[in-house]
Amino acid sequence: MSEQARLKQIKSPCVSICKYNKNNFCVGCKRHMNEIFDWFDYSDEMRTAIMTDLLSRDIETDSQ
């Protein structure tokens, strides 16, 4: 599978509401800043784990 095909397997959960709270979590997609920066380096398994975890994250909306 080509690199481009792999990148399309599990897409970014970004919803274009990019504001971070005091703990560096995006209030739009609920990912931590590090998860956002590293998303394209993650394996599909890691992306799946993050996507599953996002369902239970309760992110404070005190964006900076």
PDB file of N, CA and C in Angstrom:
ATOM      1  N   MET A   1       0.846  -1.175   0.000  1.00  0.00           N
ATOM      2  CA  MET A   1       0.000   0.000   0.000  1.00  0.00           C
ATOM      3  C   MET A   1       0.891   1.238   0.000  1.00  0.00           C
ATOM      4  N   SER A   2       0.556   2.188  -0.822  1.00  0.00           N
ATOM      5  CA  SER A   2       1.355   3.411  -0.905  1.00  0.00           C
ATOM      6  C   SER A   2       1.151   4.267   0.340  1.00  0.00           C
ATOM      7  N   GLU A   3       2.071   5.177   0.557  1.00  0.00           N
ATOM      8  CA  GLU A   3       1.972   6.088   1.706  1.00  0.00           C
ATOM      9  C   GLU A   3       0.693   6.921   1.628  1.00  0.00           C
ATOM     10  N   GLN A   4       0.330   7.388   0.452  1.00  0.00           N
ATOM     11  CA  GLN A   4      -0.891   8.180   0.306  1.00  0.00           C
ATOM     12  C   GLN A   4      -2.126   7.358   0.638  1.00  0.00           C
ATOM     13  N   ALA A   5      -2.145   6.114   0.233  1.00  0.00           N
ATOM     14  CA  ALA A   5      -3.280   5.251   0.539  1.00  0.00           C
ATOM     15  C   ALA A   5      -3.379   5.017   2.036  1.00  0.00           C
ATOM     16  N   ARG A   6      -2.243   4.836   2.689  1.00  0.00           N
ATOM     17  CA  ARG A   6      -2.248   4.615   4.130  1.00  0.00           C
ATOM     18  C   ARG A   6      -2.793   5.840   4.863  1.00  0.00           C
ATOM     19  N   LEU A   7      -2.413   7.013   4.423  1.00  0.00           N
ATOM     20  CA  LEU A   7      -2.878   8.227   5.078  1.00  0.00           C
ATOM     21  C   LEU A   7      -4.386   8.401   4.962  1.00  0.00           C
ATOM     22  N   LYS A   8      -4.989   7.792   3.967  1.00  0.00           N
ATOM     23  CA  LYS A   8      -6.426   7.925   3.761  1.00  0.00           C
ATOM     24  C   LYS A   8      -7.229   6.893   4.549  1.00  0.00           C
ATOM     25  N   GLN A   9      -6.580   5.922   5.151  1.00  0.00           N
ATOM     26  CA  GLN A   9      -7.301   4.872   5.863  1.00  0.00           C
ATOM     27  C   GLN A   9      -8.108   5.433   7.039  1.00  0.00           C
ATOM     28  N   ILE A  10      -7.471   6.169   7.916  1.00  0.00           N
ATOM     29  CA  ILE A  10      -8.140   6.767   9.065  1.00  0.00           C
ATOM     30  C   ILE A  10      -7.871   8.260   9.015  1.00  0.00           C
ATOM     31  N   LYS A  11      -8.889   8.999   8.675  1.00  0.00           N
ATOM     32  CA  LYS A  11      -8.725  10.440   8.487  1.00  0.00           C
ATOM     33  C   LYS A  11      -8.695  11.175   9.821  1.00  0.00           C
ATOM     34  N   SER A  12      -8.157  12.354   9.774  1.00  0.00           N
ATOM     35  CA  SER A  12      -8.089  13.223  10.945  1.00  0.00           C
ATOM     36  C   SER A  12      -9.499  13.581  11.418  1.00  0.00           C
ATOM     37  N   PRO A  13      -9.712  13.610  12.727  1.00  0.00           N
ATOM     38  CA  PRO A  13     -11.021  14.003  13.258  1.00  0.00           C
ATOM     39  C   PRO A  13     -11.206  15.519  13.355  1.00  0.00           C
ATOM     40  N   CYS A  14     -10.320  16.275  12.742  1.00  0.00           N
ATOM     41  CA  CYS A  14     -10.381  17.740  12.802  1.00  0.00           C
ATOM     42  C   CYS A  14     -11.731  18.237  12.275  1.00  0.00           C
ATOM     43  N   VAL A  15     -12.321  19.179  13.020  1.00  0.00           N
ATOM     44  CA  VAL A  15     -13.588  19.786  12.606  1.00  0.00           C
ATOM     45  C   VAL A  15     -13.424  21.288  12.354  1.00  0.00           C
ATOM     46  N   SER A  16     -12.178  21.717  12.208  1.00  0.00           N
ATOM     47  CA  SER A  16     -11.830  23.113  11.896  1.00  0.00           C
ATOM     48  C   SER A  16     -12.295  24.117  12.949  1.00  0.00           C
ATOM     49  N   ILE A  17     -12.313  23.673  14.199  1.00  0.00           N
ATOM     50  CA  ILE A  17     -12.542  24.565  15.342  1.00  0.00           C
ATOM     51  C   ILE A  17     -11.297  24.437  16.206  1.00  0.00           C
ATOM     52  N   CYS A  18     -10.235  25.060  15.783  1.00  0.00           N
ATOM     53  CA  CYS A  18      -8.919  24.853  16.392  1.00  0.00           C
ATOM     54  C   CYS A  18      -8.645  25.874  17.488  1.00  0.00           C
ATOM     55  N   LYS A  19      -9.147  25.568  18.671  1.00  0.00           N
ATOM     56  CA  LYS A  19      -8.899  26.385  19.863  1.00  0.00           C
ATOM     57  C   LYS A  19      -8.465  25.432  20.961  1.00  0.00           C
ATOM     58  N   TYR A  20      -7.445  25.823  21.698  1.00  0.00           N
ATOM     59  CA  TYR A  20      -6.890  24.956  22.730  1.00  0.00           C
ATOM     60  C   TYR A  20      -7.259  25.452  24.117  1.00  0.00           C
ATOM     61  N   ASN A  21      -7.553  24.506  25.017  1.00  0.00           N
ATOM     62  CA  ASN A  21      -7.815  24.886  26.394  1.00  0.00           C
ATOM     63  C   ASN A  21      -6.501  24.956  27.163  1.00  0.00           C
ATOM     64  N   LYS A  22      -6.574  25.210  28.455  1.00  0.00           N
ATOM     65  CA  LYS A  22      -5.362  25.393  29.260  1.00  0.00           C
ATOM     66  C   LYS A  22      -4.517  24.126  29.355  1.00  0.00           C
ATOM     67  N   ASN A  23      -5.097  22.975  29.045  1.00  0.00           N
ATOM     68  CA  ASN A  23      -4.367  21.704  29.082  1.00  0.00           C
ATOM     69  C   ASN A  23      -3.878  21.271  27.704  1.00  0.00           C
ATOM     70  N   ASN A  24      -3.957  22.162  26.733  1.00  0.00           N
ATOM     71  CA  ASN A  24      -3.504  21.926  25.358  1.00  0.00           C
ATOM     72  C   ASN A  24      -4.322  20.885  24.604  1.00  0.00           C
ATOM     73  N   PHE A  25      -5.614  20.785  24.938  1.00  0.00           N
ATOM     74  CA  PHE A  25      -6.532  19.951  24.181  1.00  0.00           C
ATOM     75  C   PHE A  25      -7.358  20.860  23.287  1.00  0.00           C
ATOM     76  N   CYS A  26      -7.566  20.434  22.054  1.00  0.00           N
ATOM     77  CA  CYS A  26      -8.395  21.188  21.125  1.00  0.00           C
ATOM     78  C   CYS A  26      -9.859  21.018  21.530  1.00  0.00           C
ATOM     79  N   VAL A  27     -10.579  22.124  21.657  1.00  0.00           N
ATOM     80  CA  VAL A  27     -11.987  22.033  22.037  1.00  0.00           C
ATOM     81  C   VAL A  27     -12.859  21.591  20.858  1.00  0.00           C
ATOM     82  N   GLY A  28     -12.318  21.596  19.655  1.00  0.00           N
ATOM     83  CA  GLY A  28     -13.056  21.136  18.481  1.00  0.00           C
ATOM     84  C   GLY A  28     -13.015  19.628  18.314  1.00  0.00           C
ATOM     85  N   CYS A  29     -11.820  19.076  18.191  1.00  0.00           N
ATOM     86  CA  CYS A  29     -11.683  17.634  17.928  1.00  0.00           C
ATOM     87  C   CYS A  29     -11.307  16.827  19.166  1.00  0.00           C
ATOM     88  N   LYS A  30     -11.004  17.487  20.274  1.00  0.00           N
ATOM     89  CA  LYS A  30     -10.688  16.871  21.564  1.00  0.00           C
ATOM     90  C   LYS A  30      -9.321  16.204  21.626  1.00  0.00           C
ATOM     91  N   ARG A  31      -8.504  16.392  20.591  1.00  0.00           N
ATOM     92  CA  ARG A  31      -7.165  15.804  20.634  1.00  0.00           C
ATOM     93  C   ARG A  31      -6.204  16.734  21.355  1.00  0.00           C
ATOM     94  N   HIS A  32      -5.204  16.125  21.967  1.00  0.00           N
ATOM     95  CA  HIS A  32      -4.134  16.909  22.581  1.00  0.00           C
ATOM     96  C   HIS A  32      -3.278  17.487  21.460  1.00  0.00           C
ATOM     97  N   MET A  33      -2.650  18.594  21.736  1.00  0.00           N
ATOM     98  CA  MET A  33      -1.809  19.258  20.740  1.00  0.00           C
ATOM     99  C   MET A  33      -0.780  18.290  20.146  1.00  0.00           C
ATOM    100  N   ASN A  34      -0.187  17.454  20.971  1.00  0.00           N
ATOM    101  CA  ASN A  34       0.803  16.487  20.481  1.00  0.00           C
ATOM    102  C   ASN A  34       0.178  15.470  19.526  1.00  0.00           C
ATOM    103  N   GLU A  35      -1.055  15.044  19.819  1.00  0.00           N
ATOM    104  CA  GLU A  35      -1.739  14.101  18.929  1.00  0.00           C
ATOM    105  C   GLU A  35      -2.016  14.741  17.571  1.00  0.00           C
ATOM    106  N   ILE A  36      -2.332  16.013  17.573  1.00  0.00           N
ATOM    107  CA  ILE A  36      -2.589  16.722  16.319  1.00  0.00           C
ATOM    108  C   ILE A  36      -1.309  16.826  15.497  1.00  0.00           C
ATOM    109  N   PHE A  37      -0.231  17.249  16.139  1.00  0.00           N
ATOM    110  CA  PHE A  37       1.040  17.410  15.431  1.00  0.00           C
ATOM    111  C   PHE A  37       1.578  16.086  14.899  1.00  0.00           C
ATOM    112  N   ASP A  38       1.358  15.001  15.630  1.00  0.00           N
ATOM    113  CA  ASP A  38       1.926  13.701  15.267  1.00  0.00           C
ATOM    114  C   ASP A  38       0.974  12.809  14.472  1.00  0.00           C
ATOM    115  N   TRP A  39      -0.236  13.274  14.192  1.00  0.00           N
ATOM    116  CA  TRP A  39      -1.272  12.439  13.578  1.00  0.00           C
ATOM    117  C   TRP A  39      -0.781  11.689  12.338  1.00  0.00           C
ATOM    118  N   PHE A  40      -0.093  12.355  11.437  1.00  0.00           N
ATOM    119  CA  PHE A  40       0.307  11.713  10.189  1.00  0.00           C
ATOM    120  C   PHE A  40       1.475  10.747  10.366  1.00  0.00           C
ATOM    121  N   ASP A  41       2.106  10.760  11.518  1.00  0.00           N
ATOM    122  CA  ASP A  41       3.168   9.796  11.816  1.00  0.00           C
ATOM    123  C   ASP A  41       2.633   8.543  12.499  1.00  0.00           C
ATOM    124  N   TYR A  42       1.415   8.597  13.011  1.00  0.00           N
ATOM    125  CA  TYR A  42       0.844   7.468  13.748  1.00  0.00           C
ATOM    126  C   TYR A  42       0.433   6.336  12.812  1.00  0.00           C
ATOM    127  N   SER A  43       0.517   5.126  13.332  1.00  0.00           N
ATOM    128  CA  SER A  43       0.017   3.953  12.614  1.00  0.00           C
ATOM    129  C   SER A  43      -1.513   3.985  12.647  1.00  0.00           C
ATOM    130  N   ASP A  44      -2.128   3.179  11.798  1.00  0.00           N
ATOM    131  CA  ASP A  44      -3.584   3.082  11.808  1.00  0.00           C
ATOM    132  C   ASP A  44      -4.081   2.587  13.157  1.00  0.00           C
ATOM    133  N   GLU A  45      -3.329   1.701  13.790  1.00  0.00           N
ATOM    134  CA  GLU A  45      -3.720   1.176  15.096  1.00  0.00           C
ATOM    135  C   GLU A  45      -3.738   2.292  16.138  1.00  0.00           C
ATOM    136  N   MET A  46      -2.727   3.152  16.112  1.00  0.00           N
ATOM    137  CA  MET A  46      -2.667   4.264  17.059  1.00  0.00           C
ATOM    138  C   MET A  46      -3.792   5.256  16.781  1.00  0.00           C
ATOM    139  N   ARG A  47      -4.046   5.530  15.527  1.00  0.00           N
ATOM    140  CA  ARG A  47      -5.138   6.439  15.171  1.00  0.00           C
ATOM    141  C   ARG A  47      -6.478   5.885  15.647  1.00  0.00           C
ATOM    142  N   THR A  48      -6.680   4.591  15.461  1.00  0.00           N
ATOM    143  CA  THR A  48      -7.915   3.950  15.911  1.00  0.00           C
ATOM    144  C   THR A  48      -8.063   4.076  17.418  1.00  0.00           C
ATOM    145  N   ALA A  49      -6.979   3.868  18.150  1.00  0.00           N
ATOM    146  CA  ALA A  49      -7.016   3.980  19.611  1.00  0.00           C
ATOM    147  C   ALA A  49      -7.381   5.404  20.036  1.00  0.00           C
ATOM    148  N   ILE A  50      -6.816   6.383  19.369  1.00  0.00           N
ATOM    149  CA  ILE A  50      -7.120   7.780  19.693  1.00  0.00           C
ATOM    150  C   ILE A  50      -8.580   8.084  19.368  1.00  0.00           C
ATOM    151  N   MET A  51      -9.046   7.652  18.212  1.00  0.00           N
ATOM    152  CA  MET A  51     -10.431   7.900  17.814  1.00  0.00           C
ATOM    153  C   MET A  51     -11.403   7.293  18.825  1.00  0.00           C
ATOM    154  N   THR A  52     -11.097   6.105  19.314  1.00  0.00           N
ATOM    155  CA  THR A  52     -11.936   5.454  20.322  1.00  0.00           C
ATOM    156  C   THR A  52     -11.918   6.252  21.619  1.00  0.00           C
ATOM    157  N   ASP A  53     -10.739   6.702  22.012  1.00  0.00           N
ATOM    158  CA  ASP A  53     -10.593   7.475  23.245  1.00  0.00           C
ATOM    159  C   ASP A  53     -11.328   8.812  23.173  1.00  0.00           C
ATOM    160  N   LEU A  54     -11.379   9.407  21.996  1.00  0.00           N
ATOM    161  CA  LEU A  54     -12.047  10.703  21.835  1.00  0.00           C
ATOM    162  C   LEU A  54     -13.515  10.646  22.248  1.00  0.00           C
ATOM    163  N   LEU A  55     -14.136   9.494  22.071  1.00  0.00           N
ATOM    164  CA  LEU A  55     -15.554   9.346  22.398  1.00  0.00           C
ATOM    165  C   LEU A  55     -15.832   9.572  23.876  1.00  0.00           C
ATOM    166  N   SER A  56     -14.850   9.287  24.725  1.00  0.00           N
ATOM    167  CA  SER A  56     -15.063   9.421  26.167  1.00  0.00           C
ATOM    168  C   SER A  56     -14.370  10.639  26.777  1.00  0.00           C
ATOM    169  N   ARG A  57     -13.710  11.440  25.971  1.00  0.00           N
ATOM    170  CA  ARG A  57     -13.017  12.621  26.503  1.00  0.00           C
ATOM    171  C   ARG A  57     -14.003  13.745  26.788  1.00  0.00           C
ATOM    172  N   ASP A  58     -13.867  14.303  27.973  1.00  0.00           N
ATOM    173  CA  ASP A  58     -14.665  15.459  28.374  1.00  0.00           C
ATOM    174  C   ASP A  58     -13.704  16.634  28.481  1.00  0.00           C
ATOM    175  N   ILE A  59     -13.677  17.465  27.470  1.00  0.00           N
ATOM    176  CA  ILE A  59     -12.696  18.538  27.360  1.00  0.00           C
ATOM    177  C   ILE A  59     -13.282  19.851  27.868  1.00  0.00           C
ATOM    178  N   GLU A  60     -12.562  20.482  28.782  1.00  0.00           N
ATOM    179  CA  GLU A  60     -12.963  21.809  29.246  1.00  0.00           C
ATOM    180  C   GLU A  60     -12.839  22.787  28.085  1.00  0.00           C
ATOM    181  N   THR A  61     -13.770  23.709  28.003  1.00  0.00           N
ATOM    182  CA  THR A  61     -13.780  24.631  26.866  1.00  0.00           C
ATOM    183  C   THR A  61     -13.227  26.011  27.207  1.00  0.00           C
ATOM    184  N   ASP A  62     -12.365  26.069  28.181  1.00  0.00           N
ATOM    185  CA  ASP A  62     -11.743  27.350  28.540  1.00  0.00           C
ATOM    186  C   ASP A  62     -10.585  27.636  27.606  1.00  0.00           C
ATOM    187  N   SER A  63     -10.903  27.849  26.340  1.00  0.00           N
ATOM    188  CA  SER A  63      -9.859  28.028  25.328  1.00  0.00           C
ATOM    189  C   SER A  63      -9.048  29.280  25.579  1.00  0.00           C
ATOM    190  N   GLN A  64      -7.794  29.220  25.111  1.00  0.00           N
ATOM    191  CA  GLN A  64      -6.867  30.331  25.306  1.00  0.00           C
ATOM    192  C   GLN A  64      -6.974  31.309  24.161  1.00  0.00           C
TER     193      GLN A  64
END
